[in-house]
Amino acid sequence: MNENQSLSKEERILAAMQKVLTRVIKETATPPGLKHPLSQACIDDMRACLVLISARTQELAKNAGRPSSARPRYIDEPVSRGPASVPIDQIKRKRKDPG
């Protein structure tokens, strides 16, 4: 089943709003030193909207019994299959030089 079909209407709306807001942010980004075309109040409002969208999306996922494991990932970051374990005997302590 397509993930989009399993989402509620509210979740689809929130995802679309988040996508549009982040696209506006990316497309209006300016190089350092140049004046941003949006006012600081507008930028702050967009940040506040993204925080609210994220919080509500997490609430809806939790209420629907879906684990919310979504987080930003780097393209080259390996997909984790669970917690990594490292044997204690492989952990080495760095010694401080007494001098």
N, C-alpha and C. Protein backbone atom coordinates (compact mmCIF):
# COMPACT_ATOMS: atom_id res chain seq x y z
N MET A 1 0.85 -1.18 0.00
CA MET A 1 0.00 0.00 0.00
C MET A 1 0.89 1.24 0.00
N ASN A 2 0.51 2.23 -0.76
CA ASN A 2 1.23 3.48 -0.82
C ASN A 2 1.13 4.20 0.52
N GLU A 3 2.28 4.73 1.00
CA GLU A 3 2.29 5.40 2.30
C GLU A 3 1.32 6.58 2.32
N ASN A 4 1.23 7.29 1.21
CA ASN A 4 0.36 8.45 1.14
C ASN A 4 -1.11 8.07 1.32
N GLN A 5 -1.50 6.87 0.88
CA GLN A 5 -2.89 6.43 1.01
C GLN A 5 -3.22 6.08 2.45
N SER A 6 -2.24 5.70 3.26
CA SER A 6 -2.50 5.33 4.64
C SER A 6 -2.54 6.55 5.56
N LEU A 7 -2.17 7.71 5.05
CA LEU A 7 -2.19 8.92 5.86
C LEU A 7 -3.58 9.55 5.86
N SER A 8 -3.91 10.19 6.96
CA SER A 8 -5.20 10.89 7.04
C SER A 8 -5.13 12.15 6.18
N LYS A 9 -6.28 12.74 5.96
CA LYS A 9 -6.35 13.97 5.17
C LYS A 9 -5.53 15.06 5.85
N GLU A 10 -5.62 15.16 7.17
CA GLU A 10 -4.86 16.16 7.90
C GLU A 10 -3.36 15.95 7.74
N GLU A 11 -2.92 14.71 7.77
CA GLU A 11 -1.50 14.41 7.60
C GLU A 11 -1.02 14.77 6.19
N ARG A 12 -1.85 14.51 5.19
CA ARG A 12 -1.49 14.88 3.82
C ARG A 12 -1.40 16.40 3.67
N ILE A 13 -2.33 17.12 4.31
CA ILE A 13 -2.31 18.59 4.27
C ILE A 13 -1.04 19.12 4.94
N LEU A 14 -0.73 18.57 6.11
CA LEU A 14 0.47 19.00 6.83
C LEU A 14 1.74 18.73 6.01
N ALA A 15 1.81 17.57 5.36
CA ALA A 15 2.97 17.24 4.54
C ALA A 15 3.10 18.21 3.37
N ALA A 16 1.98 18.56 2.75
CA ALA A 16 2.02 19.50 1.63
C ALA A 16 2.45 20.89 2.10
N MET A 17 1.93 21.32 3.25
CA MET A 17 2.32 22.63 3.79
C MET A 17 3.81 22.66 4.13
N GLN A 18 4.30 21.59 4.73
CA GLN A 18 5.71 21.52 5.07
C GLN A 18 6.58 21.57 3.81
N LYS A 19 6.15 20.86 2.78
CA LYS A 19 6.90 20.83 1.53
C LYS A 19 6.95 22.22 0.90
N VAL A 20 5.84 22.92 0.88
CA VAL A 20 5.79 24.25 0.29
C VAL A 20 6.64 25.24 1.08
N LEU A 21 6.51 25.20 2.42
CA LEU A 21 7.29 26.12 3.25
C LEU A 21 8.79 25.88 3.08
N THR A 22 9.21 24.64 3.08
CA THR A 22 10.64 24.37 2.93
C THR A 22 11.13 24.75 1.54
N ARG A 23 10.29 24.59 0.52
CA ARG A 23 10.68 25.01 -0.83
C ARG A 23 10.84 26.52 -0.91
N VAL A 24 9.92 27.26 -0.28
CA VAL A 24 10.03 28.73 -0.26
C VAL A 24 11.32 29.14 0.44
N ILE A 25 11.63 28.46 1.55
CA ILE A 25 12.86 28.77 2.29
C ILE A 25 14.08 28.53 1.41
N LYS A 26 14.11 27.40 0.72
CA LYS A 26 15.25 27.08 -0.14
C LYS A 26 15.38 28.06 -1.30
N GLU A 27 14.26 28.40 -1.92
CA GLU A 27 14.30 29.24 -3.11
C GLU A 27 14.55 30.71 -2.80
N THR A 28 14.33 31.13 -1.57
CA THR A 28 14.60 32.53 -1.22
C THR A 28 15.90 32.68 -0.44
N ALA A 29 16.65 31.60 -0.26
CA ALA A 29 17.92 31.68 0.46
C ALA A 29 18.87 32.60 -0.30
N THR A 30 19.58 33.43 0.46
CA THR A 30 20.51 34.37 -0.15
C THR A 30 21.93 34.09 0.34
N PRO A 31 22.91 34.42 -0.47
CA PRO A 31 24.30 34.24 -0.03
C PRO A 31 24.60 35.13 1.19
N PRO A 32 25.57 34.73 1.99
CA PRO A 32 25.93 35.54 3.16
C PRO A 32 26.28 36.97 2.76
N GLY A 33 25.83 37.91 3.55
CA GLY A 33 26.13 39.31 3.29
C GLY A 33 25.05 40.05 2.53
N LEU A 34 24.17 39.33 1.85
CA LEU A 34 23.09 39.98 1.11
C LEU A 34 21.83 40.03 1.97
N LYS A 35 21.00 41.06 1.73
CA LYS A 35 19.76 41.21 2.48
C LYS A 35 18.75 40.17 2.00
N HIS A 36 18.14 39.49 2.95
CA HIS A 36 17.14 38.47 2.61
C HIS A 36 15.87 39.16 2.13
N PRO A 37 15.21 38.61 1.09
CA PRO A 37 14.00 39.25 0.57
C PRO A 37 12.81 39.18 1.53
N LEU A 38 12.84 38.25 2.47
CA LEU A 38 11.75 38.15 3.44
C LEU A 38 12.13 38.86 4.73
N SER A 39 11.14 39.44 5.40
CA SER A 39 11.42 40.11 6.67
C SER A 39 11.74 39.08 7.75
N GLN A 40 12.42 39.51 8.79
CA GLN A 40 12.75 38.61 9.89
C GLN A 40 11.49 38.07 10.55
N ALA A 41 10.44 38.89 10.63
CA ALA A 41 9.18 38.44 11.21
C ALA A 41 8.57 37.31 10.38
N CYS A 42 8.67 37.43 9.06
CA CYS A 42 8.14 36.38 8.17
C CYS A 42 8.95 35.10 8.34
N ILE A 43 10.26 35.22 8.43
CA ILE A 43 11.12 34.05 8.63
C ILE A 43 10.79 33.37 9.95
N ASP A 44 10.62 34.17 11.00
CA ASP A 44 10.28 33.61 12.31
C ASP A 44 8.92 32.90 12.28
N ASP A 45 7.96 33.49 11.57
CA ASP A 45 6.64 32.87 11.45
C ASP A 45 6.72 31.54 10.70
N MET A 46 7.54 31.49 9.66
CA MET A 46 7.70 30.24 8.91
C MET A 46 8.33 29.16 9.78
N ARG A 47 9.33 29.55 10.58
CA ARG A 47 9.94 28.59 11.51
C ARG A 47 8.90 28.06 12.50
N ALA A 48 8.09 28.98 13.04
CA ALA A 48 7.06 28.58 14.00
C ALA A 48 6.06 27.63 13.36
N CYS A 49 5.69 27.89 12.10
CA CYS A 49 4.77 27.00 11.39
C CYS A 49 5.37 25.61 11.21
N LEU A 50 6.64 25.55 10.85
CA LEU A 50 7.30 24.25 10.66
C LEU A 50 7.38 23.47 11.97
N VAL A 51 7.60 24.17 13.07
CA VAL A 51 7.64 23.51 14.38
C VAL A 51 6.25 22.95 14.71
N LEU A 52 5.21 23.73 14.48
CA LEU A 52 3.84 23.27 14.74
C LEU A 52 3.46 22.09 13.85
N ILE A 53 3.84 22.16 12.57
CA ILE A 53 3.55 21.07 11.64
C ILE A 53 4.23 19.79 12.11
N SER A 54 5.47 19.91 12.51
CA SER A 54 6.22 18.75 12.97
C SER A 54 5.59 18.14 14.23
N ALA A 55 5.24 18.99 15.18
CA ALA A 55 4.63 18.51 16.43
C ALA A 55 3.30 17.81 16.16
N ARG A 56 2.48 18.40 15.30
CA ARG A 56 1.17 17.80 15.02
C ARG A 56 1.33 16.50 14.24
N THR A 57 2.27 16.46 13.32
CA THR A 57 2.51 15.23 12.56
C THR A 57 2.92 14.10 13.50
N GLN A 58 3.78 14.41 14.47
CA GLN A 58 4.20 13.40 15.44
C GLN A 58 3.02 12.94 16.29
N GLU A 59 2.16 13.87 16.71
CA GLU A 59 0.97 13.51 17.49
C GLU A 59 0.06 12.57 16.71
N LEU A 60 -0.17 12.90 15.45
CA LEU A 60 -1.06 12.09 14.63
C LEU A 60 -0.49 10.69 14.41
N ALA A 61 0.82 10.62 14.17
CA ALA A 61 1.46 9.31 13.97
C ALA A 61 1.36 8.48 15.25
N LYS A 62 1.59 9.12 16.39
CA LYS A 62 1.52 8.40 17.67
C LYS A 62 0.10 7.91 17.92
N ASN A 63 -0.89 8.76 17.67
CA ASN A 63 -2.29 8.38 17.88
C ASN A 63 -2.74 7.26 16.95
N ALA A 64 -2.13 7.21 15.77
CA ALA A 64 -2.47 6.17 14.79
C ALA A 64 -1.68 4.89 15.04
N GLY A 65 -0.78 4.93 16.03
CA GLY A 65 0.01 3.74 16.34
C GLY A 65 1.17 3.50 15.40
N ARG A 66 1.55 4.53 14.65
CA ARG A 66 2.69 4.42 13.75
C ARG A 66 3.91 5.00 14.43
N PRO A 67 4.98 4.26 14.49
CA PRO A 67 6.19 4.83 15.09
C PRO A 67 6.72 5.96 14.21
N SER A 68 7.09 7.05 14.83
CA SER A 68 7.61 8.19 14.09
C SER A 68 9.13 8.12 14.11
N SER A 69 9.68 7.48 13.10
CA SER A 69 11.13 7.34 13.02
C SER A 69 11.72 8.27 11.97
N ALA A 70 10.89 9.15 11.45
CA ALA A 70 11.37 10.06 10.41
C ALA A 70 12.34 11.06 11.00
N ARG A 71 13.49 11.19 10.37
CA ARG A 71 14.48 12.18 10.76
C ARG A 71 15.34 12.45 9.55
N PRO A 72 15.97 13.62 9.51
CA PRO A 72 16.82 13.91 8.37
C PRO A 72 17.96 12.92 8.27
N ARG A 73 18.31 12.55 7.05
CA ARG A 73 19.41 11.62 6.82
C ARG A 73 20.28 12.16 5.70
N TYR A 74 21.58 11.90 5.81
CA TYR A 74 22.49 12.21 4.72
C TYR A 74 22.34 11.13 3.67
N ILE A 75 22.58 11.49 2.43
CA ILE A 75 22.44 10.54 1.33
C ILE A 75 23.35 9.34 1.52
N ASP A 76 24.58 9.58 1.99
CA ASP A 76 25.53 8.48 2.13
C ASP A 76 25.46 7.80 3.50
N GLU A 77 24.52 8.19 4.34
CA GLU A 77 24.38 7.59 5.67
C GLU A 77 23.77 6.19 5.55
N PRO A 78 24.40 5.19 6.16
CA PRO A 78 23.83 3.85 6.06
C PRO A 78 22.52 3.75 6.82
N VAL A 79 21.64 2.93 6.30
CA VAL A 79 20.34 2.72 6.94
C VAL A 79 20.57 1.82 8.15
N SER A 80 20.15 2.28 9.30
CA SER A 80 20.35 1.52 10.54
C SER A 80 19.33 0.41 10.64
N ARG A 81 19.79 -0.74 11.03
CA ARG A 81 18.90 -1.89 11.21
C ARG A 81 18.58 -2.11 12.69
N GLY A 82 18.91 -1.15 13.52
CA GLY A 82 18.68 -1.27 14.95
C GLY A 82 19.88 -0.73 15.69
N PRO A 83 19.84 -0.82 17.00
CA PRO A 83 20.95 -0.28 17.77
C PRO A 83 22.23 -1.06 17.51
N ALA A 84 23.31 -0.32 17.40
CA ALA A 84 24.61 -0.96 17.18
C ALA A 84 25.20 -1.34 18.53
N SER A 85 25.84 -2.48 18.58
CA SER A 85 26.49 -2.88 19.81
C SER A 85 27.98 -3.04 19.55
N VAL A 86 28.76 -2.58 20.51
CA VAL A 86 30.20 -2.67 20.41
C VAL A 86 30.69 -3.42 21.64
N PRO A 87 31.45 -4.50 21.44
CA PRO A 87 31.98 -5.23 22.60
C PRO A 87 32.89 -4.32 23.42
N ILE A 88 32.80 -4.43 24.73
CA ILE A 88 33.57 -3.58 25.63
C ILE A 88 35.07 -3.73 25.40
N ASP A 89 35.52 -4.92 25.06
CA ASP A 89 36.96 -5.10 24.88
C ASP A 89 37.50 -4.37 23.64
N GLN A 90 36.61 -3.88 22.79
CA GLN A 90 37.05 -3.11 21.61
C GLN A 90 37.13 -1.61 21.90
N ILE A 91 36.63 -1.19 23.06
CA ILE A 91 36.66 0.22 23.41
C ILE A 91 38.02 0.53 24.04
N LYS A 92 38.68 1.51 23.48
CA LYS A 92 39.99 1.89 23.99
C LYS A 92 39.92 3.30 24.55
N ARG A 93 40.55 3.47 25.67
CA ARG A 93 40.56 4.75 26.35
C ARG A 93 41.81 5.53 25.93
N LYS A 94 41.64 6.82 25.66
CA LYS A 94 42.78 7.66 25.35
C LYS A 94 43.41 8.11 26.67
N ARG A 95 44.70 7.95 26.75
CA ARG A 95 45.41 8.38 27.96
C ARG A 95 45.90 9.81 27.78
N LYS A 96 45.75 10.56 28.84
CA LYS A 96 46.24 11.93 28.82
C LYS A 96 47.74 11.90 29.10
N ASP A 97 48.48 12.73 28.40
CA ASP A 97 49.91 12.84 28.62
C ASP A 97 50.15 13.54 29.96
N PRO A 98 50.97 12.96 30.83
CA PRO A 98 51.21 13.61 32.12
C PRO A 98 52.03 14.90 31.99
N GLY A 99 52.65 15.13 30.87
CA GLY A 99 53.54 16.28 30.70
C GLY A 99 52.88 17.42 30.12
